[in-house]
Amino acid sequence: MAKTLKITLRRSLIGEKPKTRATVESLGLRRINSSVERPDTPDVRGMVHRARHLLEVEEA
């Protein structure tokens, strides 16, 4: 497994459930095409899994 994940928000949060919105915002993503690098841990993987239809993930 990679040590970090590069996570990019590719789709809008409009119409998403509040829990999904909160998950994306807690990852540090605020607007479309914004990217963050997070450690590759099970809790981050779980957050990515919840919003997988909105995100693009690369192993860095």
PDB file of N, CA and C in Angstrom:
ATOM      1  N   MET A   1       0.828  -1.192   0.000  1.00  0.00           N
ATOM      2  CA  MET A   1       0.000   0.000   0.000  1.00  0.00           C
ATOM      3  C   MET A   1       0.871   1.255   0.000  1.00  0.00           C
ATOM      4  N   ALA A   2       0.369   2.290  -0.634  1.00  0.00           N
ATOM      5  CA  ALA A   2       1.090   3.555  -0.661  1.00  0.00           C
ATOM      6  C   ALA A   2       0.988   4.225   0.709  1.00  0.00           C
ATOM      7  N   LYS A   3       1.923   5.120   0.963  1.00  0.00           N
ATOM      8  CA  LYS A   3       1.909   5.811   2.248  1.00  0.00           C
ATOM      9  C   LYS A   3       0.913   6.956   2.270  1.00  0.00           C
ATOM     10  N   THR A   4       0.635   7.546   1.101  1.00  0.00           N
ATOM     11  CA  THR A   4      -0.340   8.630   1.040  1.00  0.00           C
ATOM     12  C   THR A   4      -1.279   8.432  -0.142  1.00  0.00           C
ATOM     13  N   LEU A   5      -2.434   9.054  -0.035  1.00  0.00           N
ATOM     14  CA  LEU A   5      -3.421   9.051  -1.107  1.00  0.00           C
ATOM     15  C   LEU A   5      -3.654  10.487  -1.555  1.00  0.00           C
ATOM     16  N   LYS A   6      -3.662  10.716  -2.853  1.00  0.00           N
ATOM     17  CA  LYS A   6      -4.025  12.017  -3.394  1.00  0.00           C
ATOM     18  C   LYS A   6      -5.504  11.938  -3.755  1.00  0.00           C
ATOM     19  N   ILE A   7      -6.316  12.737  -3.081  1.00  0.00           N
ATOM     20  CA  ILE A   7      -7.764  12.690  -3.243  1.00  0.00           C
ATOM     21  C   ILE A   7      -8.223  13.986  -3.883  1.00  0.00           C
ATOM     22  N   THR A   8      -9.001  13.893  -4.962  1.00  0.00           N
ATOM     23  CA  THR A   8      -9.480  15.053  -5.702  1.00  0.00           C
ATOM     24  C   THR A   8     -10.998  14.993  -5.794  1.00  0.00           C
ATOM     25  N   LEU A   9     -11.651  16.115  -5.495  1.00  0.00           N
ATOM     26  CA  LEU A   9     -13.102  16.204  -5.629  1.00  0.00           C
ATOM     27  C   LEU A   9     -13.430  16.494  -7.084  1.00  0.00           C
ATOM     28  N   ARG A  10     -14.136  15.580  -7.750  1.00  0.00           N
ATOM     29  CA  ARG A  10     -14.430  15.711  -9.178  1.00  0.00           C
ATOM     30  C   ARG A  10     -15.875  16.080  -9.468  1.00  0.00           C
ATOM     31  N   ARG A  11     -16.786  15.854  -8.530  1.00  0.00           N
ATOM     32  CA  ARG A  11     -18.195  16.153  -8.767  1.00  0.00           C
ATOM     33  C   ARG A  11     -18.735  17.029  -7.658  1.00  0.00           C
ATOM     34  N   SER A  12     -19.832  17.703  -7.934  1.00  0.00           N
ATOM     35  CA  SER A  12     -20.440  18.645  -7.004  1.00  0.00           C
ATOM     36  C   SER A  12     -21.111  17.930  -5.833  1.00  0.00           C
ATOM     37  N   LEU A  13     -21.208  18.632  -4.724  1.00  0.00           N
ATOM     38  CA  LEU A  13     -21.884  18.111  -3.537  1.00  0.00           C
ATOM     39  C   LEU A  13     -23.369  18.461  -3.533  1.00  0.00           C
ATOM     40  N   ILE A  14     -23.837  19.180  -4.542  1.00  0.00           N
ATOM     41  CA  ILE A  14     -25.247  19.570  -4.607  1.00  0.00           C
ATOM     42  C   ILE A  14     -26.099  18.306  -4.696  1.00  0.00           C
ATOM     43  N   GLY A  15     -27.082  18.211  -3.828  1.00  0.00           N
ATOM     44  CA  GLY A  15     -27.993  17.076  -3.830  1.00  0.00           C
ATOM     45  C   GLY A  15     -27.513  15.883  -3.035  1.00  0.00           C
ATOM     46  N   GLU A  16     -26.323  15.971  -2.455  1.00  0.00           N
ATOM     47  CA  GLU A  16     -25.803  14.853  -1.663  1.00  0.00           C
ATOM     48  C   GLU A  16     -26.377  14.889  -0.247  1.00  0.00           C
ATOM     49  N   LYS A  17     -26.382  13.739   0.390  1.00  0.00           N
ATOM     50  CA  LYS A  17     -26.868  13.641   1.760  1.00  0.00           C
ATOM     51  C   LYS A  17     -25.913  14.390   2.695  1.00  0.00           C
ATOM     52  N   PRO A  18     -26.447  14.924   3.784  1.00  0.00           N
ATOM     53  CA  PRO A  18     -25.597  15.676   4.728  1.00  0.00           C
ATOM     54  C   PRO A  18     -24.397  14.893   5.248  1.00  0.00           C
ATOM     55  N   LYS A  19     -24.568  13.590   5.464  1.00  0.00           N
ATOM     56  CA  LYS A  19     -23.463  12.778   5.969  1.00  0.00           C
ATOM     57  C   LYS A  19     -22.335  12.678   4.939  1.00  0.00           C
ATOM     58  N   THR A  20     -22.705  12.569   3.667  1.00  0.00           N
ATOM     59  CA  THR A  20     -21.704  12.503   2.600  1.00  0.00           C
ATOM     60  C   THR A  20     -20.995  13.844   2.464  1.00  0.00           C
ATOM     61  N   ARG A  21     -21.748  14.939   2.534  1.00  0.00           N
ATOM     62  CA  ARG A  21     -21.145  16.277   2.475  1.00  0.00           C
ATOM     63  C   ARG A  21     -20.145  16.474   3.610  1.00  0.00           C
ATOM     64  N   ALA A  22     -20.529  16.074   4.811  1.00  0.00           N
ATOM     65  CA  ALA A  22     -19.653  16.233   5.965  1.00  0.00           C
ATOM     66  C   ALA A  22     -18.387  15.406   5.815  1.00  0.00           C
ATOM     67  N   THR A  23     -18.509  14.221   5.244  1.00  0.00           N
ATOM     68  CA  THR A  23     -17.351  13.362   5.038  1.00  0.00           C
ATOM     69  C   THR A  23     -16.364  14.002   4.068  1.00  0.00           C
ATOM     70  N   VAL A  24     -16.877  14.544   2.956  1.00  0.00           N
ATOM     71  CA  VAL A  24     -16.012  15.177   1.958  1.00  0.00           C
ATOM     72  C   VAL A  24     -15.333  16.408   2.563  1.00  0.00           C
ATOM     73  N   GLU A  25     -16.082  17.203   3.318  1.00  0.00           N
ATOM     74  CA  GLU A  25     -15.499  18.393   3.927  1.00  0.00           C
ATOM     75  C   GLU A  25     -14.474  18.031   4.997  1.00  0.00           C
ATOM     76  N   SER A  26     -14.687  16.930   5.704  1.00  0.00           N
ATOM     77  CA  SER A  26     -13.722  16.532   6.727  1.00  0.00           C
ATOM     78  C   SER A  26     -12.422  16.009   6.107  1.00  0.00           C
ATOM     79  N   LEU A  27     -12.492  15.583   4.847  1.00  0.00           N
ATOM     80  CA  LEU A  27     -11.263  15.220   4.136  1.00  0.00           C
ATOM     81  C   LEU A  27     -10.458  16.464   3.759  1.00  0.00           C
ATOM     82  N   GLY A  28     -11.093  17.631   3.809  1.00  0.00           N
ATOM     83  CA  GLY A  28     -10.405  18.880   3.484  1.00  0.00           C
ATOM     84  C   GLY A  28     -10.699  19.376   2.086  1.00  0.00           C
ATOM     85  N   LEU A  29     -11.717  18.811   1.443  1.00  0.00           N
ATOM     86  CA  LEU A  29     -12.062  19.211   0.080  1.00  0.00           C
ATOM     87  C   LEU A  29     -13.189  20.234   0.125  1.00  0.00           C
ATOM     88  N   ARG A  30     -12.962  21.381  -0.480  1.00  0.00           N
ATOM     89  CA  ARG A  30     -13.933  22.469  -0.395  1.00  0.00           C
ATOM     90  C   ARG A  30     -14.622  22.753  -1.720  1.00  0.00           C
ATOM     91  N   ARG A  31     -13.903  22.643  -2.833  1.00  0.00           N
ATOM     92  CA  ARG A  31     -14.501  22.951  -4.139  1.00  0.00           C
ATOM     93  C   ARG A  31     -14.054  21.931  -5.171  1.00  0.00           C
ATOM     94  N   ILE A  32     -14.758  21.908  -6.286  1.00  0.00           N
ATOM     95  CA  ILE A  32     -14.455  20.954  -7.343  1.00  0.00           C
ATOM     96  C   ILE A  32     -13.020  21.157  -7.824  1.00  0.00           C
ATOM     97  N   ASN A  33     -12.351  20.062  -8.099  1.00  0.00           N
ATOM     98  CA  ASN A  33     -10.950  20.006  -8.544  1.00  0.00           C
ATOM     99  C   ASN A  33      -9.945  20.358  -7.454  1.00  0.00           C
ATOM    100  N   SER A  34     -10.381  20.513  -6.210  1.00  0.00           N
ATOM    101  CA  SER A  34      -9.419  20.699  -5.132  1.00  0.00           C
ATOM    102  C   SER A  34      -8.859  19.330  -4.753  1.00  0.00           C
ATOM    103  N   SER A  35      -7.587  19.298  -4.373  1.00  0.00           N
ATOM    104  CA  SER A  35      -6.909  18.046  -4.037  1.00  0.00           C
ATOM    105  C   SER A  35      -6.243  18.152  -2.673  1.00  0.00           C
ATOM    106  N   VAL A  36      -6.175  17.026  -1.996  1.00  0.00           N
ATOM    107  CA  VAL A  36      -5.466  16.934  -0.723  1.00  0.00           C
ATOM    108  C   VAL A  36      -4.694  15.619  -0.715  1.00  0.00           C
ATOM    109  N   GLU A  37      -3.669  15.564   0.105  1.00  0.00           N
ATOM    110  CA  GLU A  37      -2.949  14.309   0.325  1.00  0.00           C
ATOM    111  C   GLU A  37      -3.197  13.888   1.764  1.00  0.00           C
ATOM    112  N   ARG A  38      -3.633  12.674   1.939  1.00  0.00           N
ATOM    113  CA  ARG A  38      -3.942  12.131   3.253  1.00  0.00           C
ATOM    114  C   ARG A  38      -3.198  10.815   3.418  1.00  0.00           C
ATOM    115  N   PRO A  39      -2.870  10.452   4.654  1.00  0.00           N
ATOM    116  CA  PRO A  39      -2.197   9.164   4.876  1.00  0.00           C
ATOM    117  C   PRO A  39      -3.121   8.009   4.520  1.00  0.00           C
ATOM    118  N   ASP A  40      -2.541   6.931   4.068  1.00  0.00           N
ATOM    119  CA  ASP A  40      -3.310   5.756   3.664  1.00  0.00           C
ATOM    120  C   ASP A  40      -3.595   4.911   4.892  1.00  0.00           C
ATOM    121  N   THR A  41      -4.668   5.256   5.596  1.00  0.00           N
ATOM    122  CA  THR A  41      -5.075   4.537   6.797  1.00  0.00           C
ATOM    123  C   THR A  41      -6.482   3.996   6.585  1.00  0.00           C
ATOM    124  N   PRO A  42      -6.894   3.025   7.383  1.00  0.00           N
ATOM    125  CA  PRO A  42      -8.235   2.469   7.219  1.00  0.00           C
ATOM    126  C   PRO A  42      -9.356   3.503   7.386  1.00  0.00           C
ATOM    127  N   ASP A  43      -9.188   4.467   8.279  1.00  0.00           N
ATOM    128  CA  ASP A  43     -10.252   5.455   8.465  1.00  0.00           C
ATOM    129  C   ASP A  43     -10.376   6.382   7.257  1.00  0.00           C
ATOM    130  N   VAL A  44      -9.265   6.777   6.654  1.00  0.00           N
ATOM    131  CA  VAL A  44      -9.319   7.598   5.445  1.00  0.00           C
ATOM    132  C   VAL A  44      -9.901   6.787   4.295  1.00  0.00           C
ATOM    133  N   ARG A  45      -9.532   5.522   4.193  1.00  0.00           N
ATOM    134  CA  ARG A  45     -10.091   4.658   3.149  1.00  0.00           C
ATOM    135  C   ARG A  45     -11.617   4.536   3.292  1.00  0.00           C
ATOM    136  N   GLY A  46     -12.091   4.471   4.529  1.00  0.00           N
ATOM    137  CA  GLY A  46     -13.532   4.401   4.768  1.00  0.00           C
ATOM    138  C   GLY A  46     -14.241   5.673   4.353  1.00  0.00           C
ATOM    139  N   MET A  47     -13.618   6.814   4.604  1.00  0.00           N
ATOM    140  CA  MET A  47     -14.205   8.089   4.194  1.00  0.00           C
ATOM    141  C   MET A  47     -14.263   8.184   2.672  1.00  0.00           C
ATOM    142  N   VAL A  48     -13.211   7.728   2.022  1.00  0.00           N
ATOM    143  CA  VAL A  48     -13.181   7.733   0.550  1.00  0.00           C
ATOM    144  C   VAL A  48     -14.260   6.795   0.017  1.00  0.00           C
ATOM    145  N   HIS A  49     -14.452   5.663   0.668  1.00  0.00           N
ATOM    146  CA  HIS A  49     -15.451   4.700   0.214  1.00  0.00           C
ATOM    147  C   HIS A  49     -16.861   5.291   0.262  1.00  0.00           C
ATOM    148  N   ARG A  50     -17.165   6.079   1.284  1.00  0.00           N
ATOM    149  CA  ARG A  50     -18.491   6.683   1.401  1.00  0.00           C
ATOM    150  C   ARG A  50     -18.781   7.630   0.244  1.00  0.00           C
ATOM    151  N   ALA A  51     -17.773   8.368  -0.224  1.00  0.00           N
ATOM    152  CA  ALA A  51     -17.980   9.373  -1.271  1.00  0.00           C
ATOM    153  C   ALA A  51     -17.274   8.980  -2.562  1.00  0.00           C
ATOM    154  N   ARG A  52     -17.110   7.698  -2.815  1.00  0.00           N
ATOM    155  CA  ARG A  52     -16.327   7.235  -3.967  1.00  0.00           C
ATOM    156  C   ARG A  52     -16.884   7.700  -5.300  1.00  0.00           C
ATOM    157  N   HIS A  53     -18.180   7.988  -5.385  1.00  0.00           N
ATOM    158  CA  HIS A  53     -18.782   8.435  -6.638  1.00  0.00           C
ATOM    159  C   HIS A  53     -18.481   9.905  -6.940  1.00  0.00           C
ATOM    160  N   LEU A  54     -17.900  10.615  -5.965  1.00  0.00           N
ATOM    161  CA  LEU A  54     -17.573  12.040  -6.148  1.00  0.00           C
ATOM    162  C   LEU A  54     -16.080  12.283  -6.285  1.00  0.00           C
ATOM    163  N   LEU A  55     -15.284  11.303  -5.911  1.00  0.00           N
ATOM    164  CA  LEU A  55     -13.840  11.504  -5.773  1.00  0.00           C
ATOM    165  C   LEU A  55     -13.039  10.738  -6.802  1.00  0.00           C
ATOM    166  N   GLU A  56     -11.803  11.222  -6.986  1.00  0.00           N
ATOM    167  CA  GLU A  56     -10.796  10.498  -7.762  1.00  0.00           C
ATOM    168  C   GLU A  56      -9.617  10.295  -6.818  1.00  0.00           C
ATOM    169  N   VAL A  57      -9.132   9.073  -6.709  1.00  0.00           N
ATOM    170  CA  VAL A  57      -8.084   8.744  -5.752  1.00  0.00           C
ATOM    171  C   VAL A  57      -6.895   8.149  -6.479  1.00  0.00           C
ATOM    172  N   GLU A  58      -5.698   8.660  -6.134  1.00  0.00           N
ATOM    173  CA  GLU A  58      -4.442   8.135  -6.675  1.00  0.00           C
ATOM    174  C   GLU A  58      -3.537   7.799  -5.512  1.00  0.00           C
ATOM    175  N   GLU A  59      -2.780   6.729  -5.654  1.00  0.00           N
ATOM    176  CA  GLU A  59      -1.780   6.409  -4.638  1.00  0.00           C
ATOM    177  C   GLU A  59      -0.532   7.203  -4.941  1.00  0.00           C
ATOM    178  N   ALA A  60      -0.048   7.916  -3.945  1.00  0.00           N
ATOM    179  CA  ALA A  60       1.134   8.766  -4.152  1.00  0.00           C
ATOM    180  C   ALA A  60       2.317   8.227  -3.383  1.00  0.00           C
TER     181      ALA A  60
END
